[in-house]
Amino acid sequence: MTRIDIVALEQQARQMRAEEMRRLGGIFSESMGVYFRGLSRMLTSLAKLLNEALRRLVSSNPQGLRQH
């Protein structure tokens, strides 16, 4: 009968788990980077649109539109 080395199996299982956690952490980090880059681009576009809208609103001269 073959003797099972439980200590070696546990050590190998811990090592495999640690490797898998590192792999999943890398995948998570990469996806969050993609997500936040996209979010950043979207917020930048929104800020530019708001800037233009506010610029038009503030720079208009309502007194110039009146006719006496």
PDB file of N, CA and C in Angstrom:
ATOM      1  N   MET A   1       0.835  -1.171   0.000  1.00  0.00           N
ATOM      2  CA  MET A   1       0.000   0.000   0.000  1.00  0.00           C
ATOM      3  C   MET A   1       0.894   1.254   0.000  1.00  0.00           C
ATOM      4  N   THR A   2       0.514   2.225  -0.801  1.00  0.00           N
ATOM      5  CA  THR A   2       1.305   3.450  -0.929  1.00  0.00           C
ATOM      6  C   THR A   2       0.968   4.402   0.215  1.00  0.00           C
ATOM      7  N   ARG A   3       2.041   4.924   0.785  1.00  0.00           N
ATOM      8  CA  ARG A   3       1.861   5.862   1.890  1.00  0.00           C
ATOM      9  C   ARG A   3       1.572   7.246   1.317  1.00  0.00           C
ATOM     10  N   ILE A   4       0.573   7.942   1.842  1.00  0.00           N
ATOM     11  CA  ILE A   4       0.201   9.292   1.382  1.00  0.00           C
ATOM     12  C   ILE A   4       0.868  10.309   2.306  1.00  0.00           C
ATOM     13  N   ASP A   5       1.628  11.200   1.701  1.00  0.00           N
ATOM     14  CA  ASP A   5       2.312  12.248   2.459  1.00  0.00           C
ATOM     15  C   ASP A   5       1.365  13.452   2.577  1.00  0.00           C
ATOM     16  N   ILE A   6       0.629  13.475   3.664  1.00  0.00           N
ATOM     17  CA  ILE A   6      -0.385  14.511   3.867  1.00  0.00           C
ATOM     18  C   ILE A   6       0.242  15.895   3.971  1.00  0.00           C
ATOM     19  N   VAL A   7       1.372  15.995   4.634  1.00  0.00           N
ATOM     20  CA  VAL A   7       2.045  17.287   4.799  1.00  0.00           C
ATOM     21  C   VAL A   7       2.443  17.839   3.425  1.00  0.00           C
ATOM     22  N   ALA A   8       2.982  17.006   2.563  1.00  0.00           N
ATOM     23  CA  ALA A   8       3.384  17.444   1.223  1.00  0.00           C
ATOM     24  C   ALA A   8       2.166  17.836   0.400  1.00  0.00           C
ATOM     25  N   LEU A   9       1.077  17.084   0.522  1.00  0.00           N
ATOM     26  CA  LEU A   9      -0.157  17.424  -0.193  1.00  0.00           C
ATOM     27  C   LEU A   9      -0.717  18.768   0.271  1.00  0.00           C
ATOM     28  N   GLU A  10      -0.718  19.006   1.569  1.00  0.00           N
ATOM     29  CA  GLU A  10      -1.208  20.279   2.096  1.00  0.00           C
ATOM     30  C   GLU A  10      -0.341  21.441   1.617  1.00  0.00           C
ATOM     31  N   GLN A  11       0.973  21.227   1.611  1.00  0.00           N
ATOM     32  CA  GLN A  11       1.899  22.258   1.157  1.00  0.00           C
ATOM     33  C   GLN A  11       1.669  22.566  -0.326  1.00  0.00           C
ATOM     34  N   GLN A  12       1.508  21.527  -1.125  1.00  0.00           N
ATOM     35  CA  GLN A  12       1.253  21.710  -2.552  1.00  0.00           C
ATOM     36  C   GLN A  12      -0.087  22.418  -2.771  1.00  0.00           C
ATOM     37  N   ALA A  13      -1.100  22.057  -1.988  1.00  0.00           N
ATOM     38  CA  ALA A  13      -2.415  22.700  -2.114  1.00  0.00           C
ATOM     39  C   ALA A  13      -2.333  24.176  -1.754  1.00  0.00           C
ATOM     40  N   ARG A  14      -1.587  24.505  -0.692  1.00  0.00           N
ATOM     41  CA  ARG A  14      -1.410  25.914  -0.313  1.00  0.00           C
ATOM     42  C   ARG A  14      -0.700  26.695  -1.412  1.00  0.00           C
ATOM     43  N   GLN A  15       0.329  26.085  -2.001  1.00  0.00           N
ATOM     44  CA  GLN A  15       1.086  26.735  -3.066  1.00  0.00           C
ATOM     45  C   GLN A  15       0.184  26.966  -4.293  1.00  0.00           C
ATOM     46  N   MET A  16      -0.602  25.944  -4.650  1.00  0.00           N
ATOM     47  CA  MET A  16      -1.497  26.086  -5.797  1.00  0.00           C
ATOM     48  C   MET A  16      -2.556  27.163  -5.535  1.00  0.00           C
ATOM     49  N   ARG A  17      -3.051  27.216  -4.308  1.00  0.00           N
ATOM     50  CA  ARG A  17      -4.049  28.235  -3.952  1.00  0.00           C
ATOM     51  C   ARG A  17      -3.437  29.624  -4.034  1.00  0.00           C
ATOM     52  N   ALA A  18      -2.221  29.786  -3.538  1.00  0.00           N
ATOM     53  CA  ALA A  18      -1.553  31.086  -3.591  1.00  0.00           C
ATOM     54  C   ALA A  18      -1.325  31.525  -5.035  1.00  0.00           C
ATOM     55  N   GLU A  19      -0.918  30.601  -5.887  1.00  0.00           N
ATOM     56  CA  GLU A  19      -0.713  30.925  -7.303  1.00  0.00           C
ATOM     57  C   GLU A  19      -2.029  31.349  -7.955  1.00  0.00           C
ATOM     58  N   GLU A  20      -3.102  30.653  -7.645  1.00  0.00           N
ATOM     59  CA  GLU A  20      -4.409  30.986  -8.211  1.00  0.00           C
ATOM     60  C   GLU A  20      -4.890  32.353  -7.713  1.00  0.00           C
ATOM     61  N   MET A  21      -4.659  32.641  -6.450  1.00  0.00           N
ATOM     62  CA  MET A  21      -5.036  33.951  -5.900  1.00  0.00           C
ATOM     63  C   MET A  21      -4.254  35.074  -6.578  1.00  0.00           C
ATOM     64  N   ARG A  22      -2.959  34.863  -6.839  1.00  0.00           N
ATOM     65  CA  ARG A  22      -2.156  35.862  -7.553  1.00  0.00           C
ATOM     66  C   ARG A  22      -2.684  36.056  -8.969  1.00  0.00           C
ATOM     67  N   ARG A  23      -3.048  34.950  -9.635  1.00  0.00           N
ATOM     68  CA  ARG A  23      -3.570  35.030 -10.997  1.00  0.00           C
ATOM     69  C   ARG A  23      -4.890  35.802 -11.020  1.00  0.00           C
ATOM     70  N   LEU A  24      -5.783  35.468 -10.092  1.00  0.00           N
ATOM     71  CA  LEU A  24      -7.067  36.165 -10.032  1.00  0.00           C
ATOM     72  C   LEU A  24      -6.881  37.636  -9.662  1.00  0.00           C
ATOM     73  N   GLY A  25      -5.936  37.913  -8.793  1.00  0.00           N
ATOM     74  CA  GLY A  25      -5.648  39.298  -8.433  1.00  0.00           C
ATOM     75  C   GLY A  25      -5.163  40.094  -9.632  1.00  0.00           C
ATOM     76  N   GLY A  26      -4.346  39.474 -10.461  1.00  0.00           N
ATOM     77  CA  GLY A  26      -3.869  40.139 -11.672  1.00  0.00           C
ATOM     78  C   GLY A  26      -5.003  40.408 -12.646  1.00  0.00           C
ATOM     79  N   ILE A  27      -5.877  39.441 -12.810  1.00  0.00           N
ATOM     80  CA  ILE A  27      -7.029  39.618 -13.705  1.00  0.00           C
ATOM     81  C   ILE A  27      -7.930  40.736 -13.174  1.00  0.00           C
ATOM     82  N   PHE A  28      -8.171  40.738 -11.866  1.00  0.00           N
ATOM     83  CA  PHE A  28      -9.008  41.767 -11.253  1.00  0.00           C
ATOM     84  C   PHE A  28      -8.386  43.147 -11.441  1.00  0.00           C
ATOM     85  N   SER A  29      -7.085  43.256 -11.202  1.00  0.00           N
ATOM     86  CA  SER A  29      -6.397  44.544 -11.357  1.00  0.00           C
ATOM     87  C   SER A  29      -6.481  45.040 -12.788  1.00  0.00           C
ATOM     88  N   GLU A  30      -6.285  44.145 -13.732  1.00  0.00           N
ATOM     89  CA  GLU A  30      -6.347  44.525 -15.145  1.00  0.00           C
ATOM     90  C   GLU A  30      -7.750  44.997 -15.507  1.00  0.00           C
ATOM     91  N   SER A  31      -8.780  44.277 -15.062  1.00  0.00           N
ATOM     92  CA  SER A  31     -10.146  44.688 -15.398  1.00  0.00           C
ATOM     93  C   SER A  31     -10.509  46.010 -14.743  1.00  0.00           C
ATOM     94  N   MET A  32     -10.059  46.235 -13.517  1.00  0.00           N
ATOM     95  CA  MET A  32     -10.335  47.512 -12.865  1.00  0.00           C
ATOM     96  C   MET A  32      -9.622  48.649 -13.591  1.00  0.00           C
ATOM     97  N   GLY A  33      -8.422  48.389 -14.090  1.00  0.00           N
ATOM     98  CA  GLY A  33      -7.710  49.415 -14.864  1.00  0.00           C
ATOM     99  C   GLY A  33      -8.473  49.794 -16.113  1.00  0.00           C
ATOM    100  N   VAL A  34      -8.981  48.796 -16.821  1.00  0.00           N
ATOM    101  CA  VAL A  34      -9.768  49.059 -18.034  1.00  0.00           C
ATOM    102  C   VAL A  34     -11.038  49.824 -17.672  1.00  0.00           C
ATOM    103  N   TYR A  35     -11.703  49.400 -16.617  1.00  0.00           N
ATOM    104  CA  TYR A  35     -12.941  50.048 -16.183  1.00  0.00           C
ATOM    105  C   TYR A  35     -12.697  51.519 -15.832  1.00  0.00           C
ATOM    106  N   PHE A  36     -11.666  51.785 -15.032  1.00  0.00           N
ATOM    107  CA  PHE A  36     -11.417  53.152 -14.597  1.00  0.00           C
ATOM    108  C   PHE A  36     -10.895  54.042 -15.725  1.00  0.00           C
ATOM    109  N   ARG A  37     -10.174  53.469 -16.683  1.00  0.00           N
ATOM    110  CA  ARG A  37      -9.768  54.272 -17.843  1.00  0.00           C
ATOM    111  C   ARG A  37     -10.998  54.697 -18.638  1.00  0.00           C
ATOM    112  N   GLY A  38     -11.932  53.765 -18.840  1.00  0.00           N
ATOM    113  CA  GLY A  38     -13.174  54.090 -19.542  1.00  0.00           C
ATOM    114  C   GLY A  38     -13.996  55.113 -18.780  1.00  0.00           C
ATOM    115  N   LEU A  39     -14.096  54.940 -17.472  1.00  0.00           N
ATOM    116  CA  LEU A  39     -14.829  55.886 -16.633  1.00  0.00           C
ATOM    117  C   LEU A  39     -14.187  57.263 -16.693  1.00  0.00           C
ATOM    118  N   SER A  40     -12.877  57.297 -16.677  1.00  0.00           N
ATOM    119  CA  SER A  40     -12.150  58.560 -16.754  1.00  0.00           C
ATOM    120  C   SER A  40     -12.435  59.271 -18.074  1.00  0.00           C
ATOM    121  N   ARG A  41     -12.416  58.527 -19.170  1.00  0.00           N
ATOM    122  CA  ARG A  41     -12.720  59.132 -20.476  1.00  0.00           C
ATOM    123  C   ARG A  41     -14.146  59.676 -20.511  1.00  0.00           C
ATOM    124  N   MET A  42     -15.082  58.905 -19.962  1.00  0.00           N
ATOM    125  CA  MET A  42     -16.475  59.332 -19.961  1.00  0.00           C
ATOM    126  C   MET A  42     -16.643  60.605 -19.124  1.00  0.00           C
ATOM    127  N   LEU A  43     -16.026  60.660 -17.951  1.00  0.00           N
ATOM    128  CA  LEU A  43     -16.143  61.829 -17.094  1.00  0.00           C
ATOM    129  C   LEU A  43     -15.468  63.047 -17.720  1.00  0.00           C
ATOM    130  N   THR A  44     -14.375  62.821 -18.431  1.00  0.00           N
ATOM    131  CA  THR A  44     -13.714  63.922 -19.118  1.00  0.00           C
ATOM    132  C   THR A  44     -14.622  64.493 -20.203  1.00  0.00           C
ATOM    133  N   SER A  45     -15.263  63.626 -20.965  1.00  0.00           N
ATOM    134  CA  SER A  45     -16.200  64.075 -22.002  1.00  0.00           C
ATOM    135  C   SER A  45     -17.368  64.834 -21.380  1.00  0.00           C
ATOM    136  N   LEU A  46     -17.886  64.328 -20.284  1.00  0.00           N
ATOM    137  CA  LEU A  46     -18.990  64.991 -19.599  1.00  0.00           C
ATOM    138  C   LEU A  46     -18.563  66.369 -19.096  1.00  0.00           C
ATOM    139  N   ALA A  47     -17.369  66.457 -18.552  1.00  0.00           N
ATOM    140  CA  ALA A  47     -16.869  67.734 -18.054  1.00  0.00           C
ATOM    141  C   ALA A  47     -16.732  68.738 -19.199  1.00  0.00           C
ATOM    142  N   LYS A  48     -16.277  68.279 -20.365  1.00  0.00           N
ATOM    143  CA  LYS A  48     -16.154  69.173 -21.510  1.00  0.00           C
ATOM    144  C   LYS A  48     -17.522  69.671 -21.979  1.00  0.00           C
ATOM    145  N   LEU A  49     -18.507  68.765 -21.999  1.00  0.00           N
ATOM    146  CA  LEU A  49     -19.860  69.166 -22.393  1.00  0.00           C
ATOM    147  C   LEU A  49     -20.436  70.182 -21.411  1.00  0.00           C
ATOM    148  N   LEU A  50     -20.269  69.924 -20.124  1.00  0.00           N
ATOM    149  CA  LEU A  50     -20.761  70.862 -19.111  1.00  0.00           C
ATOM    150  C   LEU A  50     -20.046  72.202 -19.207  1.00  0.00           C
ATOM    151  N   ASN A  51     -18.761  72.162 -19.469  1.00  0.00           N
ATOM    152  CA  ASN A  51     -17.977  73.386 -19.624  1.00  0.00           C
ATOM    153  C   ASN A  51     -18.540  74.235 -20.762  1.00  0.00           C
ATOM    154  N   GLU A  52     -18.800  73.605 -21.902  1.00  0.00           N
ATOM    155  CA  GLU A  52     -19.343  74.345 -23.045  1.00  0.00           C
ATOM    156  C   GLU A  52     -20.735  74.893 -22.744  1.00  0.00           C
ATOM    157  N   ALA A  53     -21.575  74.082 -22.125  1.00  0.00           N
ATOM    158  CA  ALA A  53     -22.933  74.528 -21.805  1.00  0.00           C
ATOM    159  C   ALA A  53     -22.906  75.699 -20.829  1.00  0.00           C
ATOM    160  N   LEU A  54     -22.090  75.596 -19.787  1.00  0.00           N
ATOM    161  CA  LEU A  54     -21.998  76.682 -18.806  1.00  0.00           C
ATOM    162  C   LEU A  54     -21.358  77.925 -19.414  1.00  0.00           C
ATOM    163  N   ARG A  55     -20.392  77.730 -20.268  1.00  0.00           N
ATOM    164  CA  ARG A  55     -19.740  78.872 -20.916  1.00  0.00           C
ATOM    165  C   ARG A  55     -20.764  79.661 -21.742  1.00  0.00           C
ATOM    166  N   ARG A  56     -21.608  78.946 -22.489  1.00  0.00           N
ATOM    167  CA  ARG A  56     -22.639  79.622 -23.297  1.00  0.00           C
ATOM    168  C   ARG A  56     -23.652  80.315 -22.404  1.00  0.00           C
ATOM    169  N   LEU A  57     -24.023  79.665 -21.321  1.00  0.00           N
ATOM    170  CA  LEU A  57     -25.016  80.228 -20.408  1.00  0.00           C
ATOM    171  C   LEU A  57     -24.482  81.490 -19.738  1.00  0.00           C
ATOM    172  N   VAL A  58     -23.271  81.448 -19.260  1.00  0.00           N
ATOM    173  CA  VAL A  58     -22.690  82.568 -18.522  1.00  0.00           C
ATOM    174  C   VAL A  58     -22.255  83.686 -19.459  1.00  0.00           C
ATOM    175  N   SER A  59     -21.816  83.362 -20.654  1.00  0.00           N
ATOM    176  CA  SER A  59     -21.298  84.404 -21.545  1.00  0.00           C
ATOM    177  C   SER A  59     -22.399  85.122 -22.322  1.00  0.00           C
ATOM    178  N   SER A  60     -23.638  84.635 -22.238  1.00  0.00           N
ATOM    179  CA  SER A  60     -24.701  85.329 -22.967  1.00  0.00           C
ATOM    180  C   SER A  60     -25.026  86.646 -22.273  1.00  0.00           C
ATOM    181  N   ASN A  61     -25.405  87.606 -23.039  1.00  0.00           N
ATOM    182  CA  ASN A  61     -25.720  88.921 -22.504  1.00  0.00           C
ATOM    183  C   ASN A  61     -27.219  89.174 -22.714  1.00  0.00           C
ATOM    184  N   PRO A  62     -28.038  88.924 -21.698  1.00  0.00           N
ATOM    185  CA  PRO A  62     -29.476  89.095 -21.869  1.00  0.00           C
ATOM    186  C   PRO A  62     -29.889  90.532 -22.145  1.00  0.00           C
ATOM    187  N   GLN A  63     -29.098  91.496 -21.697  1.00  0.00           N
ATOM    188  CA  GLN A  63     -29.428  92.899 -21.946  1.00  0.00           C
ATOM    189  C   GLN A  63     -29.258  93.244 -23.420  1.00  0.00           C
ATOM    190  N   GLY A  64     -28.354  92.547 -24.094  1.00  0.00           N
ATOM    191  CA  GLY A  64     -28.147  92.792 -25.509  1.00  0.00           C
ATOM    192  C   GLY A  64     -29.313  92.289 -26.347  1.00  0.00           C
ATOM    193  N   LEU A  65     -30.126  91.402 -25.809  1.00  0.00           N
ATOM    194  CA  LEU A  65     -31.256  90.851 -26.533  1.00  0.00           C
ATOM    195  C   LEU A  65     -32.489  91.745 -26.435  1.00  0.00           C
ATOM    196  N   ARG A  66     -32.523  92.637 -25.480  1.00  0.00           N
ATOM    197  CA  ARG A  66     -33.679  93.530 -25.319  1.00  0.00           C
ATOM    198  C   ARG A  66     -33.704  94.612 -26.386  1.00  0.00           C
ATOM    199  N   GLN A  67     -34.885  94.977 -26.776  1.00  0.00           N
ATOM    200  CA  GLN A  67     -35.006  96.098 -27.709  1.00  0.00           C
ATOM    201  C   GLN A  67     -35.781  97.193 -27.010  1.00  0.00           C
ATOM    202  N   HIS A  68     -35.243  98.411 -27.060  1.00  0.00           N
ATOM    203  CA  HIS A  68     -35.901  99.535 -26.377  1.00  0.00           C
ATOM    204  C   HIS A  68     -36.817 100.242 -27.297  1.00  0.00           C
TER     205      HIS A  68
END
